[in-house]
PDB file of N, CA and C in Angstrom:
ATOM      1  N   MET A   1      20.999  46.513   3.400  1.00  0.00           N
ATOM      2  CA  MET A   1      21.321  45.963   2.091  1.00  0.00           C
ATOM      3  C   MET A   1      19.921  45.690   1.410  1.00  0.00           C
ATOM      4  N   ASP A   2      19.667  46.454   0.402  1.00  0.00           N
ATOM      5  CA  ASP A   2      18.386  46.418  -0.261  1.00  0.00           C
ATOM      6  C   ASP A   2      18.607  46.128  -1.777  1.00  0.00           C
ATOM      7  N   SER A   3      18.966  44.846  -2.071  1.00  0.00           N
ATOM      8  CA  SER A   3      19.196  44.493  -3.402  1.00  0.00           C
ATOM      9  C   SER A   3      17.915  44.337  -4.270  1.00  0.00           C
ATOM     10  N   SER A   4      18.045  44.219  -5.524  1.00  0.00           N
ATOM     11  CA  SER A   4      16.867  44.079  -6.359  1.00  0.00           C
ATOM     12  C   SER A   4      16.176  42.756  -6.136  1.00  0.00           C
ATOM     13  N   LEU A   5      16.936  41.688  -5.756  1.00  0.00           N
ATOM     14  CA  LEU A   5      16.296  40.429  -5.477  1.00  0.00           C
ATOM     15  C   LEU A   5      15.461  40.564  -4.208  1.00  0.00           C
ATOM     16  N   HIS A   6      15.992  41.299  -3.239  1.00  0.00           N
ATOM     17  CA  HIS A   6      15.165  41.461  -1.998  1.00  0.00           C
ATOM     18  C   HIS A   6      13.927  42.241  -2.263  1.00  0.00           C
ATOM     19  N   ARG A   7      14.016  43.324  -3.097  1.00  0.00           N
ATOM     20  CA  ARG A   7      12.846  44.107  -3.401  1.00  0.00           C
ATOM     21  C   ARG A   7      11.840  43.300  -4.189  1.00  0.00           C
ATOM     22  N   THR A   8      12.272  42.387  -5.006  1.00  0.00           N
ATOM     23  CA  THR A   8      11.365  41.599  -5.862  1.00  0.00           C
ATOM     24  C   THR A   8      10.517  40.625  -4.995  1.00  0.00           C
ATOM     25  N   HIS A   9      11.099  40.060  -3.973  1.00  0.00           N
ATOM     26  CA  HIS A   9      10.439  39.047  -3.184  1.00  0.00           C
ATOM     27  C   HIS A   9       9.932  39.604  -1.859  1.00  0.00           C
ATOM     28  N   ARG A  10       9.792  40.904  -1.694  1.00  0.00           N
ATOM     29  CA  ARG A  10       9.329  41.509  -0.527  1.00  0.00           C
ATOM     30  C   ARG A  10       7.747  41.380  -0.558  1.00  0.00           C
ATOM     31  N   THR A  11       7.177  40.800   0.413  1.00  0.00           N
ATOM     32  CA  THR A  11       5.706  40.723   0.524  1.00  0.00           C
ATOM     33  C   THR A  11       5.206  41.224   1.856  1.00  0.00           C
ATOM     34  N   SER A  12       4.050  41.651   1.881  1.00  0.00           N
ATOM     35  CA  SER A  12       3.479  42.106   3.162  1.00  0.00           C
ATOM     36  C   SER A  12       2.973  40.885   3.932  1.00  0.00           C
ATOM     37  N   HIS A  13       2.681  41.020   5.202  1.00  0.00           N
ATOM     38  CA  HIS A  13       2.225  39.935   5.986  1.00  0.00           C
ATOM     39  C   HIS A  13       0.799  39.507   5.507  1.00  0.00           C
ATOM     40  N   GLY A  14      -0.025  40.447   5.101  1.00  0.00           N
ATOM     41  CA  GLY A  14      -1.355  40.160   4.638  1.00  0.00           C
ATOM     42  C   GLY A  14      -1.341  39.344   3.351  1.00  0.00           C
ATOM     43  N   THR A  15      -0.432  39.651   2.420  1.00  0.00           N
ATOM     44  CA  THR A  15      -0.274  38.952   1.208  1.00  0.00           C
ATOM     45  C   THR A  15       0.102  37.484   1.443  1.00  0.00           C
ATOM     46  N   LEU A  16       1.090  37.356   2.301  1.00  0.00           N
ATOM     47  CA  LEU A  16       1.630  36.032   2.638  1.00  0.00           C
ATOM     48  C   LEU A  16       0.533  35.181   3.353  1.00  0.00           C
ATOM     49  N   HIS A  17      -0.119  35.836   4.249  1.00  0.00           N
ATOM     50  CA  HIS A  17      -1.172  35.139   5.061  1.00  0.00           C
ATOM     51  C   HIS A  17      -2.324  34.735   4.078  1.00  0.00           C
ATOM     52  N   GLY A  18      -2.725  35.629   3.221  1.00  0.00           N
ATOM     53  CA  GLY A  18      -3.803  35.352   2.311  1.00  0.00           C
ATOM     54  C   GLY A  18      -3.469  34.193   1.303  1.00  0.00           C
ATOM     55  N   ARG A  19      -2.183  34.174   0.840  1.00  0.00           N
ATOM     56  CA  ARG A  19      -1.747  33.120  -0.033  1.00  0.00           C
ATOM     57  C   ARG A  19      -1.836  31.772   0.622  1.00  0.00           C
ATOM     58  N   HIS A  20      -1.376  31.671   1.853  1.00  0.00           N
ATOM     59  CA  HIS A  20      -1.403  30.418   2.583  1.00  0.00           C
ATOM     60  C   HIS A  20      -2.789  29.970   2.996  1.00  0.00           C
ATOM     61  N   LEU A  21      -3.701  30.885   3.088  1.00  0.00           N
ATOM     62  CA  LEU A  21      -5.102  30.476   3.400  1.00  0.00           C
ATOM     63  C   LEU A  21      -5.821  30.078   2.124  1.00  0.00           C
ATOM     64  N   ARG A  22      -5.482  30.638   1.008  1.00  0.00           N
ATOM     65  CA  ARG A  22      -6.224  30.326  -0.214  1.00  0.00           C
ATOM     66  C   ARG A  22      -5.804  28.976  -0.806  1.00  0.00           C
ATOM     67  N   HIS A  23      -4.509  28.672  -0.641  1.00  0.00           N
ATOM     68  CA  HIS A  23      -4.024  27.421  -1.262  1.00  0.00           C
ATOM     69  C   HIS A  23      -4.729  26.148  -0.803  1.00  0.00           C
ATOM     70  N   PRO A  24      -4.921  25.935   0.520  1.00  0.00           N
ATOM     71  CA  PRO A  24      -5.643  24.732   0.922  1.00  0.00           C
ATOM     72  C   PRO A  24      -7.138  24.772   0.462  1.00  0.00           C
ATOM     73  N   LEU A  25      -7.678  26.004   0.401  1.00  0.00           N
ATOM     74  CA  LEU A  25      -9.079  26.093  -0.017  1.00  0.00           C
ATOM     75  C   LEU A  25      -9.165  25.680  -1.484  1.00  0.00           C
ATOM     76  N   ARG A  26      -8.223  26.090  -2.277  1.00  0.00           N
ATOM     77  CA  ARG A  26      -8.260  25.719  -3.691  1.00  0.00           C
ATOM     78  C   ARG A  26      -8.019  24.196  -3.836  1.00  0.00           C
ATOM     79  N   LYS A  27      -7.135  23.639  -3.083  1.00  0.00           N
ATOM     80  CA  LYS A  27      -6.830  22.225  -3.160  1.00  0.00           C
ATOM     81  C   LYS A  27      -8.061  21.446  -2.700  1.00  0.00           C
ATOM     82  N   SER A  28      -8.706  21.804  -1.663  1.00  0.00           N
ATOM     83  CA  SER A  28      -9.926  21.068  -1.251  1.00  0.00           C
ATOM     84  C   SER A  28     -11.035  21.187  -2.229  1.00  0.00           C
ATOM     85  N   THR A  29     -11.226  22.337  -2.847  1.00  0.00           N
ATOM     86  CA  THR A  29     -12.214  22.564  -3.853  1.00  0.00           C
ATOM     87  C   THR A  29     -11.918  21.652  -5.078  1.00  0.00           C
ATOM     88  N   TYR A  30     -10.628  21.577  -5.409  1.00  0.00           N
ATOM     89  CA  TYR A  30     -10.298  20.733  -6.553  1.00  0.00           C
ATOM     90  C   TYR A  30     -10.610  19.278  -6.325  1.00  0.00           C
ATOM     91  N   TRP A  31     -10.254  18.759  -5.134  1.00  0.00           N
ATOM     92  CA  TRP A  31     -10.485  17.337  -4.776  1.00  0.00           C
ATOM     93  C   TRP A  31     -12.004  17.097  -4.725  1.00  0.00           C
ATOM     94  N   THR A  32     -12.804  18.055  -4.151  1.00  0.00           N
ATOM     95  CA  THR A  32     -14.210  17.919  -4.139  1.00  0.00           C
ATOM     96  C   THR A  32     -14.813  17.750  -5.511  1.00  0.00           C
ATOM     97  N   ALA A  33     -14.396  18.588  -6.390  1.00  0.00           N
ATOM     98  CA  ALA A  33     -14.878  18.568  -7.758  1.00  0.00           C
ATOM     99  C   ALA A  33     -14.401  17.237  -8.438  1.00  0.00           C
ATOM    100  N   LEU A  34     -13.208  16.809  -8.161  1.00  0.00           N
ATOM    101  CA  LEU A  34     -12.741  15.580  -8.770  1.00  0.00           C
ATOM    102  C   LEU A  34     -13.519  14.383  -8.307  1.00  0.00           C
ATOM    103  N   TRP A  35     -13.726  14.298  -6.944  1.00  0.00           N
ATOM    104  CA  TRP A  35     -14.486  13.164  -6.418  1.00  0.00           C
ATOM    105  C   TRP A  35     -15.907  13.218  -6.925  1.00  0.00           C
ATOM    106  N   GLY A  36     -16.482  14.430  -6.951  1.00  0.00           N
ATOM    107  CA  GLY A  36     -17.870  14.585  -7.431  1.00  0.00           C
ATOM    108  C   GLY A  36     -18.010  14.141  -8.871  1.00  0.00           C
ATOM    109  N   ALA A  37     -17.051  14.449  -9.745  1.00  0.00           N
ATOM    110  CA  ALA A  37     -17.106  14.047 -11.092  1.00  0.00           C
ATOM    111  C   ALA A  37     -17.017  12.552 -11.201  1.00  0.00           C
ATOM    112  N   ASP A  38     -16.062  11.965 -10.444  1.00  0.00           N
ATOM    113  CA  ASP A  38     -15.835  10.494 -10.425  1.00  0.00           C
ATOM    114  C   ASP A  38     -17.151   9.824  -9.968  1.00  0.00           C
ATOM    115  N   ASP A  39     -17.713  10.233  -8.898  1.00  0.00           N
ATOM    116  CA  ASP A  39     -18.952   9.602  -8.451  1.00  0.00           C
ATOM    117  C   ASP A  39     -20.043   9.774  -9.425  1.00  0.00           C
ATOM    118  N   GLN A  40     -20.230  10.941 -10.070  1.00  0.00           N
ATOM    119  CA  GLN A  40     -21.230  11.188 -11.040  1.00  0.00           C
ATOM    120  C   GLN A  40     -21.083  10.268 -12.226  1.00  0.00           C
ATOM    121  N   MET A  41     -19.847  10.015 -12.702  1.00  0.00           N
ATOM    122  CA  MET A  41     -19.591   9.103 -13.780  1.00  0.00           C
ATOM    123  C   MET A  41     -19.942   7.687 -13.457  1.00  0.00           C
ATOM    124  N   GLN A  42     -19.598   7.318 -12.213  1.00  0.00           N
ATOM    125  CA  GLN A  42     -20.003   5.942 -11.779  1.00  0.00           C
ATOM    126  C   GLN A  42     -21.512   5.755 -11.629  1.00  0.00           C
ATOM    127  N   PHE A  43     -22.136   6.747 -11.083  1.00  0.00           N
ATOM    128  CA  PHE A  43     -23.623   6.602 -10.882  1.00  0.00           C
ATOM    129  C   PHE A  43     -24.372   6.629 -12.244  1.00  0.00           C
ATOM    130  N   THR A  44     -23.896   7.361 -13.185  1.00  0.00           N
ATOM    131  CA  THR A  44     -24.581   7.360 -14.464  1.00  0.00           C
ATOM    132  C   THR A  44     -24.178   6.162 -15.288  1.00  0.00           C
ATOM    133  N   SER A  45     -22.992   5.580 -15.073  1.00  0.00           N
ATOM    134  CA  SER A  45     -22.695   4.325 -15.896  1.00  0.00           C
ATOM    135  C   SER A  45     -23.310   3.084 -15.394  1.00  0.00           C
ATOM    136  N   PHE A  46     -23.667   3.013 -14.082  1.00  0.00           N
ATOM    137  CA  PHE A  46     -24.238   1.797 -13.557  1.00  0.00           C
ATOM    138  C   PHE A  46     -25.431   1.388 -14.307  1.00  0.00           C
ATOM    139  N   PRO A  47     -26.469   2.221 -14.486  1.00  0.00           N
ATOM    140  CA  PRO A  47     -27.675   1.770 -15.267  1.00  0.00           C
ATOM    141  C   PRO A  47     -27.309   1.415 -16.695  1.00  0.00           C
ATOM    142  N   ILE A  48     -26.399   2.077 -17.376  1.00  0.00           N
ATOM    143  CA  ILE A  48     -26.030   1.756 -18.713  1.00  0.00           C
ATOM    144  C   ILE A  48     -25.491   0.357 -18.765  1.00  0.00           C
ATOM    145  N   VAL A  49     -24.524   0.091 -17.887  1.00  0.00           N
ATOM    146  CA  VAL A  49     -23.894  -1.244 -17.938  1.00  0.00           C
ATOM    147  C   VAL A  49     -24.862  -2.336 -17.605  1.00  0.00           C
ATOM    148  N   PHE A  50     -25.623  -2.130 -16.595  1.00  0.00           N
ATOM    149  CA  PHE A  50     -26.474  -3.262 -16.094  1.00  0.00           C
ATOM    150  C   PHE A  50     -27.709  -3.483 -16.988  1.00  0.00           C
ATOM    151  N   GLN A  51     -28.235  -2.331 -17.596  1.00  0.00           N
ATOM    152  CA  GLN A  51     -29.420  -2.504 -18.394  1.00  0.00           C
ATOM    153  C   GLN A  51     -29.084  -2.911 -19.882  1.00  0.00           C
ATOM    154  N   GLN A  52     -28.075  -2.226 -20.409  1.00  0.00           N
ATOM    155  CA  GLN A  52     -27.753  -2.517 -21.869  1.00  0.00           C
ATOM    156  C   GLN A  52     -26.873  -3.747 -22.019  1.00  0.00           C
ATOM    157  N   TYR A  53     -25.880  -3.921 -21.244  1.00  0.00           N
ATOM    158  CA  TYR A  53     -24.990  -4.997 -21.458  1.00  0.00           C
ATOM    159  C   TYR A  53     -25.365  -6.299 -20.762  1.00  0.00           C
ATOM    160  N   ARG A  54     -25.983  -6.144 -19.617  1.00  0.00           N
ATOM    161  CA  ARG A  54     -26.377  -7.369 -18.853  1.00  0.00           C
ATOM    162  C   ARG A  54     -27.881  -7.653 -18.972  1.00  0.00           C
ATOM    163  N   HIS A  55     -28.529  -6.716 -19.639  1.00  0.00           N
ATOM    164  CA  HIS A  55     -30.043  -6.850 -19.936  1.00  0.00           C
ATOM    165  C   HIS A  55     -30.858  -7.049 -18.684  1.00  0.00           C
ATOM    166  N   TRP A  56     -30.491  -6.274 -17.665  1.00  0.00           N
ATOM    167  CA  TRP A  56     -31.334  -6.317 -16.433  1.00  0.00           C
ATOM    168  C   TRP A  56     -32.456  -5.232 -16.670  1.00  0.00           C
ATOM    169  N   SER A  57     -33.570  -5.505 -15.974  1.00  0.00           N
ATOM    170  CA  SER A  57     -34.626  -4.490 -15.979  1.00  0.00           C
ATOM    171  C   SER A  57     -34.238  -3.259 -15.127  1.00  0.00           C
ATOM    172  N   PRO A  58     -34.866  -2.127 -15.404  1.00  0.00           N
ATOM    173  CA  PRO A  58     -34.465  -0.914 -14.634  1.00  0.00           C
ATOM    174  C   PRO A  58     -34.611  -1.096 -13.106  1.00  0.00           C
ATOM    175  N   SER A  59     -35.657  -1.845 -12.719  1.00  0.00           N
ATOM    176  CA  SER A  59     -35.798  -2.000 -11.216  1.00  0.00           C
ATOM    177  C   SER A  59     -34.684  -2.851 -10.632  1.00  0.00           C
ATOM    178  N   ILE A  60     -34.274  -3.930 -11.389  1.00  0.00           N
ATOM    179  CA  ILE A  60     -33.206  -4.766 -10.849  1.00  0.00           C
ATOM    180  C   ILE A  60     -31.846  -4.117 -10.973  1.00  0.00           C
ATOM    181  N   SER A  61     -31.632  -3.276 -12.026  1.00  0.00           N
ATOM    182  CA  SER A  61     -30.355  -2.580 -12.158  1.00  0.00           C
ATOM    183  C   SER A  61     -30.189  -1.553 -11.070  1.00  0.00           C
ATOM    184  N   GLY A  62     -31.243  -1.104 -10.428  1.00  0.00           N
ATOM    185  CA  GLY A  62     -31.117  -0.191  -9.281  1.00  0.00           C
ATOM    186  C   GLY A  62     -30.572  -0.835  -8.062  1.00  0.00           C
ATOM    187  N   LEU A  63     -30.550  -2.176  -8.009  1.00  0.00           N
ATOM    188  CA  LEU A  63     -30.009  -2.890  -6.902  1.00  0.00           C
ATOM    189  C   LEU A  63     -28.507  -2.750  -6.904  1.00  0.00           C
ATOM    190  N   ALA A  64     -27.868  -2.388  -7.966  1.00  0.00           N
ATOM    191  CA  ALA A  64     -26.452  -2.251  -8.046  1.00  0.00           C
ATOM    192  C   ALA A  64     -25.985  -1.155  -7.090  1.00  0.00           C
ATOM    193  N   PHE A  65     -26.801  -0.190  -6.762  1.00  0.00           N
ATOM    194  CA  PHE A  65     -26.505   0.899  -5.912  1.00  0.00           C
ATOM    195  C   PHE A  65     -26.539   0.513  -4.433  1.00  0.00           C
ATOM    196  N   ILE A  66     -26.982  -0.689  -4.110  1.00  0.00           N
ATOM    197  CA  ILE A  66     -27.102  -1.077  -2.704  1.00  0.00           C
ATOM    198  C   ILE A  66     -25.684  -1.260  -2.068  1.00  0.00           C
ATOM    199  N   GLY A  67     -24.782  -1.763  -2.882  1.00  0.00           N
ATOM    200  CA  GLY A  67     -23.379  -1.984  -2.365  1.00  0.00           C
ATOM    201  C   GLY A  67     -22.737  -0.667  -2.033  1.00  0.00           C
ATOM    202  N   LEU A  68     -22.971   0.388  -2.803  1.00  0.00           N
ATOM    203  CA  LEU A  68     -22.399   1.712  -2.556  1.00  0.00           C
ATOM    204  C   LEU A  68     -23.097   2.274  -1.276  1.00  0.00           C
ATOM    205  N   SER A  69     -24.369   2.066  -1.139  1.00  0.00           N
ATOM    206  CA  SER A  69     -25.050   2.578   0.084  1.00  0.00           C
ATOM    207  C   SER A  69     -24.602   1.922   1.303  1.00  0.00           C
ATOM    208  N   VAL A  70     -24.488   0.630   1.253  1.00  0.00           N
ATOM    209  CA  VAL A  70     -24.083  -0.187   2.465  1.00  0.00           C
ATOM    210  C   VAL A  70     -22.662   0.237   2.808  1.00  0.00           C
ATOM    211  N   GLY A  71     -21.757   0.368   1.815  1.00  0.00           N
ATOM    212  CA  GLY A  71     -20.356   0.740   2.092  1.00  0.00           C
ATOM    213  C   GLY A  71     -20.269   2.133   2.660  1.00  0.00           C
ATOM    214  N   SER A  72     -21.082   2.996   2.196  1.00  0.00           N
ATOM    215  CA  SER A  72     -21.029   4.409   2.712  1.00  0.00           C
ATOM    216  C   SER A  72     -21.533   4.454   4.137  1.00  0.00           C
ATOM    217  N   VAL A  73     -22.629   3.771   4.403  1.00  0.00           N
ATOM    218  CA  VAL A  73     -23.196   3.740   5.797  1.00  0.00           C
ATOM    219  C   VAL A  73     -22.217   3.087   6.728  1.00  0.00           C
ATOM    220  N   LEU A  74     -21.636   1.924   6.270  1.00  0.00           N
ATOM    221  CA  LEU A  74     -20.654   1.231   7.121  1.00  0.00           C
ATOM    222  C   LEU A  74     -19.452   2.069   7.400  1.00  0.00           C
ATOM    223  N   GLY A  75     -18.930   2.793   6.423  1.00  0.00           N
ATOM    224  CA  GLY A  75     -17.845   3.634   6.583  1.00  0.00           C
ATOM    225  C   GLY A  75     -18.183   4.790   7.577  1.00  0.00           C
ATOM    226  N   LEU A  76     -19.359   5.339   7.481  1.00  0.00           N
ATOM    227  CA  LEU A  76     -19.719   6.430   8.401  1.00  0.00           C
ATOM    228  C   LEU A  76     -19.861   5.937   9.813  1.00  0.00           C
ATOM    229  N   VAL A  77     -20.365   4.736  10.055  1.00  0.00           N
ATOM    230  CA  VAL A  77     -20.494   4.169  11.368  1.00  0.00           C
ATOM    231  C   VAL A  77     -19.096   3.897  11.933  1.00  0.00           C
ATOM    232  N   LEU A  78     -18.228   3.273  11.163  1.00  0.00           N
ATOM    233  CA  LEU A  78     -16.880   2.971  11.613  1.00  0.00           C
ATOM    234  C   LEU A  78     -16.107   4.237  11.905  1.00  0.00           C
ATOM    235  N   LEU A  79     -16.350   5.282  11.068  1.00  0.00           N
ATOM    236  CA  LEU A  79     -15.651   6.585  11.401  1.00  0.00           C
ATOM    237  C   LEU A  79     -16.116   7.161  12.657  1.00  0.00           C
ATOM    238  N   GLY A  80     -17.432   7.090  12.896  1.00  0.00           N
ATOM    239  CA  GLY A  80     -17.891   7.559  14.213  1.00  0.00           C
ATOM    240  C   GLY A  80     -17.389   6.809  15.391  1.00  0.00           C
ATOM    241  N   ILE A  81     -17.277   5.502  15.281  1.00  0.00           N
ATOM    242  CA  ILE A  81     -16.713   4.703  16.382  1.00  0.00           C
ATOM    243  C   ILE A  81     -15.304   5.047  16.601  1.00  0.00           C
ATOM    244  N   ASP A  82     -14.540   5.180  15.465  1.00  0.00           N
ATOM    245  CA  ASP A  82     -13.075   5.522  15.653  1.00  0.00           C
ATOM    246  C   ASP A  82     -12.858   6.900  16.196  1.00  0.00           C
ATOM    247  N   ASN A  83     -13.713   7.842  15.783  1.00  0.00           N
ATOM    248  CA  ASN A  83     -13.633   9.179  16.259  1.00  0.00           C
ATOM    249  C   ASN A  83     -13.937   9.276  17.819  1.00  0.00           C
ATOM    250  N   ALA A  84     -14.860   8.473  18.209  1.00  0.00           N
ATOM    251  CA  ALA A  84     -15.253   8.387  19.648  1.00  0.00           C
ATOM    252  C   ALA A  84     -14.038   7.801  20.413  1.00  0.00           C
ATOM    253  N   ARG A  85     -13.411   6.782  19.919  1.00  0.00           N
ATOM    254  CA  ARG A  85     -12.279   6.170  20.548  1.00  0.00           C
ATOM    255  C   ARG A  85     -11.085   7.161  20.637  1.00  0.00           C
ATOM    256  N   TYR A  86     -10.877   7.870  19.566  1.00  0.00           N
ATOM    257  CA  TYR A  86      -9.806   8.907  19.560  1.00  0.00           C
ATOM    258  C   TYR A  86     -10.097  10.072  20.562  1.00  0.00           C
ATOM    259  N   THR A  87     -11.299  10.516  20.610  1.00  0.00           N
ATOM    260  CA  THR A  87     -11.647  11.586  21.565  1.00  0.00           C
ATOM    261  C   THR A  87     -11.462  11.136  22.935  1.00  0.00           C
ATOM    262  N   LYS A  88     -11.865   9.908  23.337  1.00  0.00           N
ATOM    263  CA  LYS A  88     -11.670   9.431  24.696  1.00  0.00           C
ATOM    264  C   LYS A  88     -10.222   9.265  25.028  1.00  0.00           C
ATOM    265  N   LYS A  89      -9.377   8.782  24.068  1.00  0.00           N
ATOM    266  CA  LYS A  89      -7.919   8.758  24.336  1.00  0.00           C
ATOM    267  C   LYS A  89      -7.293  10.157  24.422  1.00  0.00           C
ATOM    268  N   LEU A  90      -7.805  11.060  23.642  1.00  0.00           N
ATOM    269  CA  LEU A  90      -7.293  12.440  23.704  1.00  0.00           C
ATOM    270  C   LEU A  90      -7.560  13.149  25.009  1.00  0.00           C
ATOM    271  N   LYS A  91      -8.749  12.931  25.543  1.00  0.00           N
ATOM    272  CA  LYS A  91      -9.018  13.477  26.847  1.00  0.00           C
ATOM    273  C   LYS A  91      -8.204  12.854  27.938  1.00  0.00           C
ATOM    274  N   ALA A  92      -8.046  11.453  27.872  1.00  0.00           N
ATOM    275  CA  ALA A  92      -7.277  10.773  28.885  1.00  0.00           C
ATOM    276  C   ALA A  92      -5.867  11.154  28.852  1.00  0.00           C
ATOM    277  N   ALA A  93      -5.292  11.566  27.657  1.00  0.00           N
ATOM    278  CA  ALA A  93      -3.930  11.881  27.592  1.00  0.00           C
ATOM    279  C   ALA A  93      -3.666  13.397  27.794  1.00  0.00           C
ATOM    280  N   GLY A  94      -4.659  14.159  28.137  1.00  0.00           N
ATOM    281  CA  GLY A  94      -4.488  15.566  28.485  1.00  0.00           C
ATOM    282  C   GLY A  94      -4.466  16.496  27.325  1.00  0.00           C
ATOM    283  N   GLY A  95      -4.984  16.073  26.180  1.00  0.00           N
ATOM    284  CA  GLY A  95      -5.203  16.997  25.043  1.00  0.00           C
ATOM    285  C   GLY A  95      -4.191  16.818  23.963  1.00  0.00           C
ATOM    286  N   TYR A  96      -3.222  15.903  24.052  1.00  0.00           N
ATOM    287  CA  TYR A  96      -2.287  15.682  22.973  1.00  0.00           C
ATOM    288  C   TYR A  96      -2.075  14.167  22.715  1.00  0.00           C
ATOM    289  N   LEU A  97      -2.197  13.757  21.500  1.00  0.00           N
ATOM    290  CA  LEU A  97      -1.858  12.442  21.132  1.00  0.00           C
ATOM    291  C   LEU A  97      -0.927  12.466  19.926  1.00  0.00           C
ATOM    292  N   ALA A  98      -0.171  11.422  19.687  1.00  0.00           N
ATOM    293  CA  ALA A  98       0.698  11.322  18.568  1.00  0.00           C
ATOM    294  C   ALA A  98      -0.242  11.241  17.310  1.00  0.00           C
ATOM    295  N   PRO A  99       0.174  11.847  16.174  1.00  0.00           N
ATOM    296  CA  PRO A  99      -0.609  11.760  14.972  1.00  0.00           C
ATOM    297  C   PRO A  99      -0.931  10.339  14.527  1.00  0.00           C
ATOM    298  N   GLU A 100      -0.055   9.425  14.826  1.00  0.00           N
ATOM    299  CA  GLU A 100      -0.228   8.050  14.427  1.00  0.00           C
ATOM    300  C   GLU A 100      -1.488   7.380  15.027  1.00  0.00           C
ATOM    301  N   GLU A 101      -2.029   7.985  16.030  1.00  0.00           N
ATOM    302  CA  GLU A 101      -3.252   7.445  16.647  1.00  0.00           C
ATOM    303  C   GLU A 101      -4.394   7.477  15.666  1.00  0.00           C
ATOM    304  N   ARG A 102      -4.378   8.420  14.663  1.00  0.00           N
ATOM    305  CA  ARG A 102      -5.401   8.456  13.616  1.00  0.00           C
ATOM    306  C   ARG A 102      -5.217   7.380  12.574  1.00  0.00           C
ATOM    307  N   LEU A 103      -4.083   6.752  12.483  1.00  0.00           N
ATOM    308  CA  LEU A 103      -3.821   5.746  11.456  1.00  0.00           C
ATOM    309  C   LEU A 103      -4.544   4.423  11.688  1.00  0.00           C
ATOM    310  N   ILE A 104      -5.132   4.170  12.830  1.00  0.00           N
ATOM    311  CA  ILE A 104      -5.796   2.900  12.987  1.00  0.00           C
ATOM    312  C   ILE A 104      -7.006   2.733  12.086  1.00  0.00           C
ATOM    313  N   GLY A 105      -7.755   3.813  11.889  1.00  0.00           N
ATOM    314  CA  GLY A 105      -8.846   3.716  10.959  1.00  0.00           C
ATOM    315  C   GLY A 105      -8.387   3.557   9.547  1.00  0.00           C
ATOM    316  N   VAL A 106      -7.264   4.218   9.254  1.00  0.00           N
ATOM    317  CA  VAL A 106      -6.681   4.081   7.894  1.00  0.00           C
ATOM    318  C   VAL A 106      -6.255   2.661   7.602  1.00  0.00           C
ATOM    319  N   MET A 107      -5.657   2.036   8.588  1.00  0.00           N
ATOM    320  CA  MET A 107      -5.190   0.646   8.442  1.00  0.00           C
ATOM    321  C   MET A 107      -6.396  -0.308   8.244  1.00  0.00           C
ATOM    322  N   ILE A 108      -7.446  -0.076   8.883  1.00  0.00           N
ATOM    323  CA  ILE A 108      -8.652  -0.897   8.736  1.00  0.00           C
ATOM    324  C   ILE A 108      -9.235  -0.633   7.333  1.00  0.00           C
ATOM    325  N   GLY A 109      -9.284   0.599   6.943  1.00  0.00           N
ATOM    326  CA  GLY A 109      -9.801   0.927   5.628  1.00  0.00           C
ATOM    327  C   GLY A 109      -8.949   0.414   4.486  1.00  0.00           C
ATOM    328  N   ALA A 110      -7.645   0.387   4.688  1.00  0.00           N
ATOM    329  CA  ALA A 110      -6.750  -0.157   3.676  1.00  0.00           C
ATOM    330  C   ALA A 110      -6.889  -1.641   3.462  1.00  0.00           C
ATOM    331  N   CYS A 111      -7.421  -2.355   4.494  1.00  0.00           N
ATOM    332  CA  CYS A 111      -7.742  -3.780   4.293  1.00  0.00           C
ATOM    333  C   CYS A 111      -9.062  -3.976   3.724  1.00  0.00           C
ATOM    334  N   LEU A 112     -10.019  -3.082   4.032  1.00  0.00           N
ATOM    335  CA  LEU A 112     -11.369  -3.279   3.589  1.00  0.00           C
ATOM    336  C   LEU A 112     -11.586  -2.795   2.193  1.00  0.00           C
ATOM    337  N   LEU A 113     -10.844  -1.752   1.739  1.00  0.00           N
ATOM    338  CA  LEU A 113     -11.069  -1.152   0.402  1.00  0.00           C
ATOM    339  C   LEU A 113     -10.837  -2.200  -0.717  1.00  0.00           C
ATOM    340  N   PRO A 114      -9.754  -2.886  -0.742  1.00  0.00           N
ATOM    341  CA  PRO A 114      -9.559  -3.894  -1.833  1.00  0.00           C
ATOM    342  C   PRO A 114     -10.597  -5.022  -1.810  1.00  0.00           C
ATOM    343  N   ALA A 115     -10.954  -5.445  -0.603  1.00  0.00           N
ATOM    344  CA  ALA A 115     -12.041  -6.403  -0.522  1.00  0.00           C
ATOM    345  C   ALA A 115     -13.322  -5.938  -1.090  1.00  0.00           C
ATOM    346  N   GLY A 116     -13.700  -4.682  -0.820  1.00  0.00           N
ATOM    347  CA  GLY A 116     -14.886  -4.083  -1.375  1.00  0.00           C
ATOM    348  C   GLY A 116     -14.815  -3.908  -2.849  1.00  0.00           C
ATOM    349  N   LEU A 117     -13.652  -3.647  -3.393  1.00  0.00           N
ATOM    350  CA  LEU A 117     -13.541  -3.451  -4.852  1.00  0.00           C
ATOM    351  C   LEU A 117     -13.817  -4.778  -5.622  1.00  0.00           C
ATOM    352  N   PHE A 118     -13.478  -5.925  -5.008  1.00  0.00           N
ATOM    353  CA  PHE A 118     -13.636  -7.228  -5.661  1.00  0.00           C
ATOM    354  C   PHE A 118     -14.967  -7.832  -5.403  1.00  0.00           C
ATOM    355  N   MET A 119     -15.768  -7.310  -4.592  1.00  0.00           N
ATOM    356  CA  MET A 119     -17.126  -7.862  -4.316  1.00  0.00           C
ATOM    357  C   MET A 119     -18.122  -7.492  -5.370  1.00  0.00           C
TER     358      MET A 119
END
């Protein structure tokens, strides 16, 4: 049975495979550009806000970036600790863990993110 609907949606394995490989790549590229633009807007607005509106000197307004730096380094360290914990449990379990084991770091981050936004 070779209907017109079947002929319209017939695809080769290569086309289907290529489509499913390109979609996550496009999505990750989109999110990278979005986060990059957001960070760039924040980094360029910090000196404007602190120098023009709060009348800080350029050297003092640079101190506003310390919080971002400390948060980034702390997040990197905590991510490394959590990844080491996960790898140890993965080896002990024989190569498979429930996906929920990754959520421990997310739960910690969900508590720390609002606290960091209000500091």
